């Protein structure tokens, strides 16, 4: 998922294939998808642009929007439901063109890769804009490769690592759920007894039924 500042020359009308989340409804839990990119605490977004208010809602200092990237149609649909401005297929022939169109030619400011998939890690830097940053949260022992280091350096781009949330974020998460600020229901595909744990792992690995999360329930 990428975050982009909305430039002053932004098109007044979005493509009809895109949608936005109604702001009056509670925020559902973001989808867990193989190539989902989303904000993280160590991400290089300016503090003033993502500082939460006392109510738990973000207080933006400038317009920002999210582009979700995932090869699964169902995952792209979920991304639009939870607030992504655009949801793109990384396997499409016109993917790069679609990113440039969605960002008015600027490219992605911050791209978050949450899967240790080589294809995603290699593709994300190619759509970064000037001074763009790639944040790697998906863990893998595979090396990171920059195909065009000259272009990468001339555009002053960066690659950063991220390990995950801090302990205090669990309390914040529980508080938001208790207050009804987020709906976790859509993110749980099924409740599974411990005896079927091995089968649940297989379903996740093979994406049988396209599960998001399977919760073990005694």
N, C-alpha and C. Protein backbone atom coordinates (compact mmCIF):
# COMPACT_ATOMS: atom_id res chain seq x y z
N UNK A 1 0.84 -1.17 0.00
CA UNK A 1 0.00 0.00 0.00
C UNK A 1 0.88 1.22 0.00
N UNK A 2 0.50 2.22 -0.76
CA UNK A 2 1.33 3.41 -0.82
C UNK A 2 0.59 4.62 -0.31
N UNK A 3 1.35 5.54 0.29
CA UNK A 3 0.79 6.79 0.74
C UNK A 3 1.29 7.92 -0.13
N UNK A 4 0.41 8.83 -0.51
CA UNK A 4 0.77 9.89 -1.43
C UNK A 4 0.17 11.20 -0.97
N UNK A 5 0.95 12.27 -1.05
CA UNK A 5 0.40 13.60 -0.81
C UNK A 5 -0.43 14.00 -2.01
N UNK A 6 -1.59 14.60 -1.78
CA UNK A 6 -2.45 15.02 -2.87
C UNK A 6 -1.96 16.36 -3.40
N UNK A 7 -1.42 16.43 -4.63
CA UNK A 7 -0.91 17.68 -5.16
C UNK A 7 -2.01 18.66 -5.50
N UNK A 8 -1.65 19.94 -5.67
CA UNK A 8 -2.63 20.98 -5.95
C UNK A 8 -3.29 20.77 -7.30
N UNK A 9 -2.60 20.06 -8.21
CA UNK A 9 -3.14 19.84 -9.54
C UNK A 9 -3.90 18.53 -9.64
N UNK A 10 -4.38 18.01 -8.50
CA UNK A 10 -5.05 16.72 -8.48
C UNK A 10 -6.31 16.75 -9.31
N UNK A 11 -6.58 15.68 -10.09
CA UNK A 11 -7.82 15.64 -10.88
C UNK A 11 -9.04 15.78 -9.99
N UNK A 12 -10.01 16.53 -10.43
CA UNK A 12 -11.20 16.78 -9.62
C UNK A 12 -12.07 15.55 -9.52
N UNK A 13 -12.01 14.66 -10.50
CA UNK A 13 -12.86 13.47 -10.52
C UNK A 13 -12.02 12.22 -10.56
N UNK A 14 -12.33 11.25 -9.69
CA UNK A 14 -11.61 9.99 -9.67
C UNK A 14 -12.19 9.04 -10.71
N UNK A 15 -11.42 8.05 -11.16
CA UNK A 15 -11.96 7.05 -12.07
C UNK A 15 -13.14 6.34 -11.43
N UNK A 16 -14.13 5.98 -12.24
CA UNK A 16 -15.35 5.38 -11.72
C UNK A 16 -15.12 4.04 -11.05
N UNK A 17 -13.98 3.40 -11.35
CA UNK A 17 -13.69 2.09 -10.77
C UNK A 17 -13.16 2.19 -9.36
N UNK A 18 -12.94 3.40 -8.87
CA UNK A 18 -12.43 3.59 -7.52
C UNK A 18 -13.56 4.04 -6.61
N UNK A 19 -13.39 3.77 -5.30
CA UNK A 19 -14.38 4.21 -4.34
C UNK A 19 -13.68 4.59 -3.06
N UNK A 20 -14.39 5.27 -2.18
CA UNK A 20 -13.83 5.67 -0.90
C UNK A 20 -14.75 5.20 0.22
N UNK A 21 -14.19 5.09 1.40
CA UNK A 21 -14.96 4.65 2.56
C UNK A 21 -15.81 5.79 3.07
N UNK A 22 -17.10 5.56 3.37
CA UNK A 22 -17.90 6.61 4.00
C UNK A 22 -17.29 7.00 5.33
N UNK A 23 -17.04 8.27 5.53
CA UNK A 23 -16.34 8.71 6.74
C UNK A 23 -17.17 8.59 8.00
N UNK A 24 -18.49 8.42 7.86
CA UNK A 24 -19.34 8.35 9.05
C UNK A 24 -19.39 6.96 9.66
N UNK A 25 -18.89 5.95 8.95
CA UNK A 25 -18.97 4.58 9.45
C UNK A 25 -17.71 4.21 10.21
N UNK A 26 -17.80 3.24 11.16
CA UNK A 26 -16.60 2.79 11.89
C UNK A 26 -15.58 2.23 10.94
N UNK A 27 -14.33 2.34 11.30
CA UNK A 27 -13.25 1.86 10.44
C UNK A 27 -13.03 0.37 10.64
N UNK A 28 -13.27 -0.47 9.61
CA UNK A 28 -13.03 -1.90 9.76
C UNK A 28 -11.55 -2.19 9.89
N UNK A 29 -11.26 -3.39 10.33
CA UNK A 29 -9.86 -3.81 10.45
C UNK A 29 -9.26 -3.94 9.05
N UNK A 30 -8.07 -3.40 8.80
CA UNK A 30 -7.47 -3.51 7.46
C UNK A 30 -7.24 -4.96 7.08
N UNK A 31 -7.34 -5.26 5.77
CA UNK A 31 -7.16 -6.65 5.34
C UNK A 31 -5.73 -7.09 5.42
N UNK A 32 -5.54 -8.38 5.67
CA UNK A 32 -4.20 -8.93 5.66
C UNK A 32 -4.02 -9.65 4.33
N UNK A 33 -3.32 -9.05 3.41
CA UNK A 33 -3.18 -9.60 2.07
C UNK A 33 -1.71 -9.73 1.73
N UNK A 34 -1.37 -10.58 0.74
CA UNK A 34 0.04 -10.84 0.44
C UNK A 34 0.83 -9.60 0.09
N UNK A 35 0.20 -8.57 -0.52
CA UNK A 35 0.96 -7.42 -0.91
C UNK A 35 0.39 -6.13 -0.34
N UNK A 36 -0.30 -6.23 0.78
CA UNK A 36 -0.86 -5.02 1.37
C UNK A 36 0.26 -4.12 1.87
N UNK A 37 0.15 -2.84 1.59
CA UNK A 37 1.09 -1.84 2.07
C UNK A 37 0.30 -0.88 2.91
N UNK A 38 0.70 -0.64 4.16
CA UNK A 38 -0.06 0.26 5.02
C UNK A 38 0.88 0.96 5.98
N UNK A 39 0.41 2.04 6.69
CA UNK A 39 1.28 2.81 7.57
C UNK A 39 1.85 1.98 8.72
N UNK A 40 3.06 2.31 9.14
CA UNK A 40 3.70 1.66 10.27
C UNK A 40 4.38 2.72 11.12
N UNK A 41 4.63 2.41 12.39
CA UNK A 41 5.13 3.41 13.30
C UNK A 41 6.48 3.97 12.87
N UNK A 42 7.36 3.12 12.34
CA UNK A 42 8.69 3.57 11.98
C UNK A 42 8.73 4.16 10.57
N UNK A 43 7.57 4.28 9.95
CA UNK A 43 7.54 4.80 8.58
C UNK A 43 7.93 6.27 8.56
N UNK A 44 8.50 6.73 7.45
CA UNK A 44 9.01 8.09 7.36
C UNK A 44 7.95 9.12 7.03
N UNK A 45 6.71 8.93 7.46
CA UNK A 45 5.70 9.97 7.29
C UNK A 45 5.91 11.01 8.37
N UNK A 46 5.67 12.26 8.04
CA UNK A 46 5.89 13.31 9.03
C UNK A 46 4.96 13.12 10.22
N UNK A 47 5.48 13.38 11.43
CA UNK A 47 4.72 13.17 12.65
C UNK A 47 3.41 13.96 12.61
N UNK A 48 3.45 15.20 12.12
CA UNK A 48 2.25 16.02 12.11
C UNK A 48 1.19 15.49 11.18
N UNK A 49 1.59 14.65 10.20
CA UNK A 49 0.64 14.17 9.21
C UNK A 49 -0.12 12.94 9.68
N UNK A 50 0.35 12.28 10.74
CA UNK A 50 -0.31 11.06 11.16
C UNK A 50 -0.53 10.98 12.67
N UNK A 51 -0.41 12.11 13.34
CA UNK A 51 -0.59 12.09 14.79
C UNK A 51 -2.05 11.86 15.15
N UNK A 52 -2.37 10.84 15.99
CA UNK A 52 -3.76 10.59 16.35
C UNK A 52 -4.26 11.61 17.35
N UNK A 53 -5.55 11.92 17.26
CA UNK A 53 -6.16 12.82 18.22
C UNK A 53 -6.64 12.00 19.40
N UNK A 54 -7.20 12.65 20.41
CA UNK A 54 -7.66 11.94 21.60
C UNK A 54 -8.78 10.97 21.27
N UNK A 55 -9.53 11.27 20.19
CA UNK A 55 -10.64 10.41 19.82
C UNK A 55 -10.18 9.17 19.06
N UNK A 56 -8.89 9.14 18.69
CA UNK A 56 -8.38 8.01 17.94
C UNK A 56 -8.41 8.22 16.44
N UNK A 57 -8.93 9.36 15.98
CA UNK A 57 -8.98 9.64 14.55
C UNK A 57 -7.72 10.38 14.15
N UNK A 58 -7.20 10.12 12.93
CA UNK A 58 -5.99 10.81 12.50
C UNK A 58 -6.26 12.28 12.22
N UNK A 59 -5.29 13.11 12.59
CA UNK A 59 -5.41 14.54 12.32
C UNK A 59 -4.41 14.87 11.22
N UNK A 60 -4.89 14.98 9.98
CA UNK A 60 -3.99 15.19 8.86
C UNK A 60 -3.60 16.65 8.75
N UNK A 61 -2.32 16.91 8.54
CA UNK A 61 -1.85 18.27 8.32
C UNK A 61 -1.90 18.61 6.84
N UNK A 62 -2.02 17.59 5.99
CA UNK A 62 -2.16 17.79 4.55
C UNK A 62 -2.88 16.58 3.98
N UNK A 63 -3.56 16.75 2.84
CA UNK A 63 -4.31 15.62 2.27
C UNK A 63 -3.39 14.46 1.91
N UNK A 64 -3.74 13.26 2.37
CA UNK A 64 -3.02 12.04 2.04
C UNK A 64 -4.02 11.01 1.54
N UNK A 65 -3.57 10.07 0.75
CA UNK A 65 -4.47 9.00 0.38
C UNK A 65 -3.68 7.72 0.18
N UNK A 66 -4.41 6.62 0.12
CA UNK A 66 -3.81 5.29 0.12
C UNK A 66 -4.13 4.57 -1.19
N UNK A 67 -3.10 3.92 -1.73
CA UNK A 67 -3.27 3.05 -2.90
C UNK A 67 -2.94 1.63 -2.45
N UNK A 68 -3.92 0.73 -2.54
CA UNK A 68 -3.69 -0.67 -2.19
C UNK A 68 -3.24 -1.43 -3.42
N UNK A 69 -2.31 -2.36 -3.24
CA UNK A 69 -1.79 -3.16 -4.35
C UNK A 69 -1.85 -4.63 -3.96
N UNK A 70 -2.59 -5.42 -4.72
CA UNK A 70 -2.72 -6.84 -4.40
C UNK A 70 -3.18 -7.60 -5.65
N UNK A 71 -2.64 -8.79 -5.89
CA UNK A 71 -3.05 -9.56 -7.06
C UNK A 71 -4.42 -10.22 -6.92
N UNK A 72 -4.96 -10.30 -5.70
CA UNK A 72 -6.25 -10.95 -5.48
C UNK A 72 -7.40 -9.96 -5.59
N UNK A 73 -8.37 -10.20 -6.46
CA UNK A 73 -9.52 -9.29 -6.58
C UNK A 73 -10.26 -9.08 -5.26
N UNK A 74 -10.44 -10.14 -4.49
CA UNK A 74 -11.16 -10.02 -3.22
C UNK A 74 -10.41 -9.12 -2.25
N UNK A 75 -9.08 -9.19 -2.26
CA UNK A 75 -8.28 -8.33 -1.38
C UNK A 75 -8.39 -6.87 -1.81
N UNK A 76 -8.42 -6.62 -3.10
CA UNK A 76 -8.57 -5.24 -3.59
C UNK A 76 -9.94 -4.69 -3.21
N UNK A 77 -10.96 -5.53 -3.28
CA UNK A 77 -12.29 -5.09 -2.89
C UNK A 77 -12.33 -4.73 -1.40
N UNK A 78 -11.69 -5.56 -0.57
CA UNK A 78 -11.65 -5.26 0.87
C UNK A 78 -10.91 -3.96 1.13
N UNK A 79 -9.83 -3.74 0.39
CA UNK A 79 -9.05 -2.52 0.59
C UNK A 79 -9.89 -1.28 0.32
N UNK A 80 -10.70 -1.32 -0.72
CA UNK A 80 -11.57 -0.19 -1.02
C UNK A 80 -12.61 0.01 0.08
N UNK A 81 -13.10 -1.09 0.63
CA UNK A 81 -14.11 -1.00 1.69
C UNK A 81 -13.54 -0.36 2.96
N UNK A 82 -12.26 -0.59 3.24
CA UNK A 82 -11.68 -0.04 4.47
C UNK A 82 -11.02 1.32 4.25
N UNK A 83 -11.17 1.90 3.08
CA UNK A 83 -10.74 3.28 2.92
C UNK A 83 -9.69 3.59 1.89
N UNK A 84 -9.18 2.61 1.16
CA UNK A 84 -8.19 2.90 0.12
C UNK A 84 -8.84 3.72 -0.99
N UNK A 85 -8.10 4.69 -1.50
CA UNK A 85 -8.61 5.51 -2.59
C UNK A 85 -8.61 4.74 -3.92
N UNK A 86 -7.58 3.92 -4.10
CA UNK A 86 -7.45 3.10 -5.31
C UNK A 86 -6.98 1.71 -4.91
N UNK A 87 -7.32 0.71 -5.71
CA UNK A 87 -6.85 -0.66 -5.48
C UNK A 87 -6.39 -1.20 -6.83
N UNK A 88 -5.09 -1.48 -6.95
CA UNK A 88 -4.50 -1.84 -8.22
C UNK A 88 -3.98 -3.27 -8.23
N UNK A 89 -4.00 -3.87 -9.41
CA UNK A 89 -3.49 -5.22 -9.61
C UNK A 89 -2.03 -5.14 -10.08
N UNK A 90 -1.08 -5.64 -9.28
CA UNK A 90 0.34 -5.52 -9.65
C UNK A 90 0.72 -6.37 -10.85
N UNK A 91 -0.13 -7.33 -11.23
CA UNK A 91 0.18 -8.18 -12.38
C UNK A 91 -0.35 -7.60 -13.69
N UNK A 92 -1.10 -6.51 -13.62
CA UNK A 92 -1.66 -5.91 -14.83
C UNK A 92 -0.56 -5.28 -15.68
N UNK A 93 -0.71 -5.35 -16.99
CA UNK A 93 0.29 -4.79 -17.88
C UNK A 93 0.42 -3.28 -17.73
N UNK A 94 -0.67 -2.62 -17.33
CA UNK A 94 -0.64 -1.16 -17.22
C UNK A 94 -0.50 -0.71 -15.77
N UNK A 95 0.09 -1.58 -14.91
CA UNK A 95 0.19 -1.23 -13.48
C UNK A 95 0.95 0.08 -13.27
N UNK A 96 2.12 0.21 -13.86
CA UNK A 96 2.92 1.43 -13.66
C UNK A 96 2.16 2.65 -14.17
N UNK A 97 1.52 2.52 -15.30
CA UNK A 97 0.74 3.63 -15.85
C UNK A 97 -0.41 4.00 -14.91
N UNK A 98 -1.04 2.97 -14.30
CA UNK A 98 -2.15 3.22 -13.38
C UNK A 98 -1.68 3.97 -12.15
N UNK A 99 -0.49 3.63 -11.65
CA UNK A 99 0.06 4.35 -10.49
C UNK A 99 0.32 5.81 -10.84
N UNK A 100 0.91 6.05 -11.99
CA UNK A 100 1.19 7.43 -12.41
C UNK A 100 -0.10 8.21 -12.61
N UNK A 101 -1.12 7.55 -13.13
CA UNK A 101 -2.40 8.23 -13.32
C UNK A 101 -3.03 8.56 -11.97
N UNK A 102 -2.96 7.61 -11.03
CA UNK A 102 -3.57 7.82 -9.71
C UNK A 102 -2.84 8.89 -8.91
N UNK A 103 -1.55 9.09 -9.18
CA UNK A 103 -0.76 10.06 -8.42
C UNK A 103 -0.46 11.33 -9.22
N UNK A 104 -1.17 11.53 -10.32
CA UNK A 104 -0.95 12.70 -11.18
C UNK A 104 0.50 12.79 -11.64
N UNK A 105 1.10 11.63 -11.88
CA UNK A 105 2.46 11.57 -12.39
C UNK A 105 3.55 11.68 -11.35
N UNK A 106 3.20 11.84 -10.08
CA UNK A 106 4.20 12.04 -9.03
C UNK A 106 4.87 10.75 -8.60
N UNK A 107 4.12 9.67 -8.52
CA UNK A 107 4.65 8.43 -7.97
C UNK A 107 4.34 8.33 -6.49
N UNK A 108 4.70 7.20 -5.90
CA UNK A 108 4.39 6.93 -4.49
C UNK A 108 5.41 7.61 -3.58
N UNK A 109 4.91 8.27 -2.53
CA UNK A 109 5.80 8.89 -1.55
C UNK A 109 6.37 7.85 -0.59
N UNK A 110 5.50 6.98 -0.06
CA UNK A 110 5.94 5.94 0.87
C UNK A 110 5.22 4.64 0.52
N UNK A 111 5.97 3.59 0.23
CA UNK A 111 5.39 2.29 -0.10
C UNK A 111 5.71 1.31 1.03
N UNK A 112 4.68 0.63 1.53
CA UNK A 112 4.84 -0.33 2.61
C UNK A 112 4.60 -1.73 2.08
N UNK A 113 5.59 -2.60 2.17
CA UNK A 113 5.46 -3.98 1.70
C UNK A 113 5.38 -4.88 2.93
N UNK A 114 4.24 -5.55 3.09
CA UNK A 114 4.01 -6.37 4.28
C UNK A 114 4.10 -7.86 4.01
N UNK A 115 4.68 -8.22 2.90
CA UNK A 115 4.89 -9.65 2.60
C UNK A 115 6.31 -9.84 2.12
N UNK A 116 6.94 -10.92 2.58
CA UNK A 116 8.30 -11.20 2.14
C UNK A 116 8.30 -11.87 0.78
N UNK A 117 7.72 -11.20 -0.19
CA UNK A 117 7.60 -11.73 -1.55
C UNK A 117 8.52 -10.94 -2.46
N UNK A 118 9.39 -11.64 -3.15
CA UNK A 118 10.40 -10.98 -3.98
C UNK A 118 9.77 -10.10 -5.05
N UNK A 119 8.67 -10.56 -5.66
CA UNK A 119 8.03 -9.78 -6.72
C UNK A 119 7.56 -8.43 -6.20
N UNK A 120 7.00 -8.40 -4.99
CA UNK A 120 6.51 -7.15 -4.43
C UNK A 120 7.66 -6.23 -4.06
N UNK A 121 8.73 -6.80 -3.48
CA UNK A 121 9.88 -6.00 -3.06
C UNK A 121 10.61 -5.42 -4.26
N UNK A 122 10.59 -6.12 -5.38
CA UNK A 122 11.26 -5.62 -6.57
C UNK A 122 10.41 -4.60 -7.32
N UNK A 123 9.11 -4.76 -7.27
CA UNK A 123 8.22 -3.88 -8.02
C UNK A 123 8.00 -2.53 -7.33
N UNK A 124 7.91 -2.53 -6.01
CA UNK A 124 7.59 -1.30 -5.28
C UNK A 124 8.55 -0.14 -5.58
N UNK A 125 9.87 -0.35 -5.61
CA UNK A 125 10.77 0.78 -5.88
C UNK A 125 10.56 1.42 -7.25
N UNK A 126 10.01 0.67 -8.19
CA UNK A 126 9.85 1.20 -9.55
C UNK A 126 8.74 2.24 -9.65
N UNK A 127 7.87 2.32 -8.65
CA UNK A 127 6.78 3.31 -8.70
C UNK A 127 6.94 4.38 -7.63
N UNK A 128 8.11 4.43 -6.98
CA UNK A 128 8.36 5.50 -6.02
C UNK A 128 8.59 6.81 -6.75
N UNK A 129 8.14 7.90 -6.13
CA UNK A 129 8.38 9.21 -6.69
C UNK A 129 9.70 9.77 -6.18
N UNK A 130 10.04 11.00 -6.53
CA UNK A 130 11.25 11.64 -6.01
C UNK A 130 11.21 11.67 -4.48
N UNK A 131 12.32 11.33 -3.84
CA UNK A 131 12.42 11.26 -2.38
C UNK A 131 11.51 10.19 -1.78
N UNK A 132 11.07 9.25 -2.61
CA UNK A 132 10.20 8.20 -2.12
C UNK A 132 10.92 7.21 -1.22
N UNK A 133 10.16 6.57 -0.34
CA UNK A 133 10.72 5.64 0.64
C UNK A 133 10.00 4.30 0.57
N UNK A 134 10.76 3.23 0.55
CA UNK A 134 10.22 1.87 0.59
C UNK A 134 10.43 1.32 1.99
N UNK A 135 9.33 0.93 2.66
CA UNK A 135 9.40 0.37 4.01
C UNK A 135 9.11 -1.13 3.93
N UNK A 136 10.10 -1.95 4.32
CA UNK A 136 9.97 -3.41 4.27
C UNK A 136 9.55 -3.94 5.63
N UNK A 137 8.32 -4.45 5.72
CA UNK A 137 7.83 -5.05 6.96
C UNK A 137 7.68 -6.56 6.84
N UNK A 138 7.58 -7.05 5.62
CA UNK A 138 7.51 -8.48 5.40
C UNK A 138 8.90 -9.09 5.48
N UNK A 139 9.08 -10.04 6.38
CA UNK A 139 10.41 -10.59 6.64
C UNK A 139 10.73 -11.76 5.71
N UNK A 140 11.94 -11.76 5.21
CA UNK A 140 12.44 -12.84 4.37
C UNK A 140 13.97 -12.79 4.37
N UNK A 141 14.63 -13.94 4.29
CA UNK A 141 16.10 -13.93 4.27
C UNK A 141 16.67 -13.53 2.91
N UNK A 142 15.80 -13.36 1.92
CA UNK A 142 16.27 -13.02 0.58
C UNK A 142 16.82 -11.60 0.54
N UNK A 143 17.82 -11.33 -0.30
CA UNK A 143 18.41 -9.99 -0.39
C UNK A 143 17.46 -9.00 -1.09
N UNK A 144 17.70 -7.72 -0.81
CA UNK A 144 16.95 -6.65 -1.46
C UNK A 144 17.76 -6.17 -2.66
N UNK A 145 17.12 -6.11 -3.81
CA UNK A 145 17.82 -5.73 -5.04
C UNK A 145 17.20 -4.48 -5.64
N UNK A 146 18.03 -3.51 -5.98
CA UNK A 146 17.58 -2.30 -6.67
C UNK A 146 18.04 -2.43 -8.12
N UNK A 147 17.09 -2.57 -9.04
CA UNK A 147 17.42 -2.84 -10.43
C UNK A 147 18.17 -1.70 -11.08
N UNK A 148 17.74 -0.46 -10.82
CA UNK A 148 18.37 0.72 -11.44
C UNK A 148 18.87 1.63 -10.33
N UNK A 149 20.08 1.40 -9.87
CA UNK A 149 20.61 2.18 -8.75
C UNK A 149 20.87 3.63 -9.12
N UNK A 150 21.16 3.91 -10.40
CA UNK A 150 21.39 5.30 -10.82
C UNK A 150 20.11 6.11 -10.67
N UNK A 151 19.00 5.58 -11.18
CA UNK A 151 17.72 6.27 -11.05
C UNK A 151 17.33 6.39 -9.59
N UNK A 152 17.60 5.33 -8.80
CA UNK A 152 17.26 5.32 -7.37
C UNK A 152 18.00 6.43 -6.64
N UNK A 153 19.28 6.58 -6.93
CA UNK A 153 20.09 7.60 -6.26
C UNK A 153 19.76 9.01 -6.74
N UNK A 154 19.57 9.16 -8.04
CA UNK A 154 19.27 10.49 -8.59
C UNK A 154 17.95 11.04 -8.05
N UNK A 155 17.03 10.15 -7.71
CA UNK A 155 15.74 10.58 -7.16
C UNK A 155 15.73 10.57 -5.63
N UNK A 156 16.91 10.35 -5.01
CA UNK A 156 17.09 10.42 -3.55
C UNK A 156 16.08 9.53 -2.83
N UNK A 157 15.96 8.29 -3.27
CA UNK A 157 15.03 7.36 -2.64
C UNK A 157 15.70 6.60 -1.51
N UNK A 158 14.88 5.95 -0.67
CA UNK A 158 15.40 5.24 0.49
C UNK A 158 14.69 3.90 0.66
N UNK A 159 15.36 2.97 1.34
CA UNK A 159 14.76 1.70 1.75
C UNK A 159 14.94 1.57 3.25
N UNK A 160 13.86 1.31 3.97
CA UNK A 160 13.92 1.18 5.43
C UNK A 160 13.27 -0.13 5.86
N UNK A 161 13.72 -0.62 7.00
CA UNK A 161 13.15 -1.84 7.56
C UNK A 161 12.20 -1.53 8.70
N UNK A 162 11.27 -2.45 8.95
CA UNK A 162 10.31 -2.29 10.05
C UNK A 162 9.95 -3.66 10.59
N UNK A 163 10.00 -3.84 11.90
CA UNK A 163 9.80 -5.15 12.51
C UNK A 163 8.36 -5.39 12.95
N UNK A 164 7.61 -4.35 13.22
CA UNK A 164 6.23 -4.54 13.66
C UNK A 164 5.82 -3.53 14.70
N UNK A 165 4.70 -3.78 15.36
CA UNK A 165 4.16 -2.85 16.34
C UNK A 165 4.85 -3.01 17.69
N UNK A 166 4.66 -2.01 18.53
CA UNK A 166 5.20 -2.03 19.90
C UNK A 166 4.13 -2.56 20.85
N UNK A 167 4.53 -3.00 22.07
CA UNK A 167 3.55 -3.55 23.03
C UNK A 167 2.39 -2.60 23.33
N UNK A 168 2.65 -1.30 23.39
CA UNK A 168 1.58 -0.37 23.74
C UNK A 168 0.50 -0.29 22.65
N UNK A 169 0.86 -0.70 21.44
CA UNK A 169 -0.12 -0.65 20.36
C UNK A 169 -1.22 -1.69 20.55
N UNK A 170 -0.93 -2.77 21.27
CA UNK A 170 -1.95 -3.77 21.55
C UNK A 170 -3.05 -3.15 22.40
N UNK A 171 -2.65 -2.37 23.41
CA UNK A 171 -3.64 -1.70 24.27
C UNK A 171 -4.44 -0.69 23.46
N UNK A 172 -3.79 0.04 22.57
CA UNK A 172 -4.50 0.99 21.73
C UNK A 172 -5.50 0.27 20.84
N UNK A 173 -5.08 -0.85 20.29
CA UNK A 173 -5.93 -1.64 19.41
C UNK A 173 -7.17 -2.14 20.14
N UNK A 174 -6.96 -2.69 21.34
CA UNK A 174 -8.08 -3.18 22.15
C UNK A 174 -9.02 -2.03 22.50
N UNK A 175 -8.43 -0.88 22.84
CA UNK A 175 -9.25 0.28 23.18
C UNK A 175 -10.12 0.74 22.01
N UNK A 176 -9.56 0.75 20.82
CA UNK A 176 -10.32 1.15 19.65
C UNK A 176 -11.45 0.17 19.36
N UNK A 177 -11.17 -1.13 19.53
CA UNK A 177 -12.20 -2.14 19.30
C UNK A 177 -13.31 -2.04 20.34
N UNK A 178 -12.93 -1.83 21.59
CA UNK A 178 -13.92 -1.70 22.67
C UNK A 178 -14.81 -0.49 22.47
N UNK A 179 -14.22 0.59 21.97
CA UNK A 179 -14.99 1.82 21.75
C UNK A 179 -15.80 1.78 20.46
N UNK A 180 -15.68 0.70 19.70
CA UNK A 180 -16.42 0.60 18.47
C UNK A 180 -15.84 1.39 17.31
N UNK A 181 -14.57 1.79 17.45
CA UNK A 181 -13.93 2.57 16.39
C UNK A 181 -13.48 1.70 15.22
N UNK A 182 -13.25 0.42 15.48
CA UNK A 182 -12.89 -0.51 14.41
C UNK A 182 -13.72 -1.77 14.54
N UNK A 183 -14.02 -2.39 13.43
CA UNK A 183 -14.81 -3.60 13.39
C UNK A 183 -13.91 -4.76 12.97
N UNK A 184 -13.66 -5.67 13.89
CA UNK A 184 -12.74 -6.78 13.61
C UNK A 184 -13.43 -7.97 12.95
N UNK A 185 -14.76 -7.96 12.93
CA UNK A 185 -15.49 -9.09 12.38
C UNK A 185 -15.09 -9.49 10.96
N UNK A 186 -15.02 -8.53 10.02
CA UNK A 186 -14.69 -8.89 8.64
C UNK A 186 -13.29 -9.46 8.47
N UNK A 187 -12.41 -9.26 9.45
CA UNK A 187 -11.04 -9.75 9.29
C UNK A 187 -10.88 -11.19 9.77
N UNK A 188 -11.91 -11.77 10.37
CA UNK A 188 -11.86 -13.16 10.85
C UNK A 188 -12.67 -14.02 9.89
N UNK A 189 -11.98 -14.87 9.16
CA UNK A 189 -12.67 -15.72 8.18
C UNK A 189 -13.38 -16.90 8.83
N UNK A 190 -12.81 -17.43 9.92
CA UNK A 190 -13.43 -18.59 10.58
C UNK A 190 -12.81 -18.80 11.94
N UNK A 191 -13.57 -19.46 12.83
CA UNK A 191 -13.06 -19.90 14.12
C UNK A 191 -12.81 -21.40 14.02
N UNK A 192 -11.60 -21.81 14.39
CA UNK A 192 -11.19 -23.20 14.20
C UNK A 192 -10.79 -23.82 15.54
N UNK A 193 -11.23 -25.05 15.83
CA UNK A 193 -10.81 -25.71 17.08
C UNK A 193 -9.33 -26.08 17.00
N UNK A 194 -8.64 -26.14 18.14
CA UNK A 194 -7.20 -26.46 18.15
C UNK A 194 -6.87 -27.76 17.43
N UNK A 195 -7.78 -28.71 17.46
CA UNK A 195 -7.52 -30.00 16.81
C UNK A 195 -7.35 -29.85 15.30
N UNK A 196 -7.89 -28.78 14.73
CA UNK A 196 -7.80 -28.56 13.29
C UNK A 196 -6.77 -27.49 12.94
N UNK A 197 -5.83 -27.25 13.85
CA UNK A 197 -4.84 -26.19 13.63
C UNK A 197 -4.00 -26.46 12.39
N UNK A 198 -3.59 -27.70 12.21
CA UNK A 198 -2.75 -28.03 11.04
C UNK A 198 -3.50 -27.76 9.74
N UNK A 199 -4.78 -28.09 9.73
CA UNK A 199 -5.60 -27.83 8.55
C UNK A 199 -5.75 -26.33 8.31
N UNK A 200 -5.86 -25.57 9.40
CA UNK A 200 -5.99 -24.11 9.27
C UNK A 200 -4.73 -23.51 8.66
N UNK A 201 -3.57 -23.99 9.10
CA UNK A 201 -2.30 -23.50 8.53
C UNK A 201 -2.23 -23.81 7.04
N UNK A 202 -2.67 -25.01 6.68
CA UNK A 202 -2.66 -25.39 5.26
C UNK A 202 -3.59 -24.50 4.45
N UNK A 203 -4.73 -24.14 5.01
CA UNK A 203 -5.66 -23.26 4.31
C UNK A 203 -5.04 -21.89 4.07
N UNK A 204 -4.29 -21.41 5.06
CA UNK A 204 -3.64 -20.11 4.91
C UNK A 204 -2.51 -20.17 3.89
N UNK A 205 -1.70 -21.24 3.96
CA UNK A 205 -0.58 -21.36 3.04
C UNK A 205 -1.02 -21.50 1.59
N UNK A 206 -2.08 -22.28 1.39
CA UNK A 206 -2.56 -22.55 0.03
C UNK A 206 -3.67 -21.60 -0.39
N UNK A 207 -4.05 -20.70 0.53
CA UNK A 207 -5.11 -19.71 0.26
C UNK A 207 -6.41 -20.39 -0.15
N UNK A 208 -6.74 -21.48 0.53
CA UNK A 208 -7.98 -22.18 0.26
C UNK A 208 -9.15 -21.37 0.80
N UNK A 209 -10.02 -20.92 -0.08
CA UNK A 209 -11.13 -20.08 0.35
C UNK A 209 -10.74 -18.64 0.59
N UNK A 210 -9.50 -18.27 0.24
CA UNK A 210 -9.00 -16.91 0.40
C UNK A 210 -9.22 -16.39 1.83
N UNK A 211 -8.73 -17.10 2.86
CA UNK A 211 -8.94 -16.65 4.24
C UNK A 211 -8.08 -15.45 4.59
N UNK A 212 -8.57 -14.60 5.48
CA UNK A 212 -7.79 -13.47 5.98
C UNK A 212 -7.12 -13.88 7.28
N UNK A 213 -7.94 -14.23 8.27
CA UNK A 213 -7.41 -14.73 9.55
C UNK A 213 -8.28 -15.89 10.01
N UNK A 214 -7.65 -16.91 10.56
CA UNK A 214 -8.33 -18.03 11.16
C UNK A 214 -8.00 -18.03 12.65
N UNK A 215 -8.99 -17.97 13.49
CA UNK A 215 -8.80 -17.85 14.94
C UNK A 215 -9.03 -19.21 15.60
N UNK A 216 -8.02 -19.67 16.37
CA UNK A 216 -8.17 -20.92 17.11
C UNK A 216 -9.02 -20.67 18.36
N UNK A 217 -10.12 -21.41 18.47
CA UNK A 217 -11.03 -21.24 19.60
C UNK A 217 -11.15 -22.54 20.38
N UNK A 218 -10.75 -22.57 21.65
CA UNK A 218 -10.83 -23.80 22.45
C UNK A 218 -12.28 -24.29 22.55
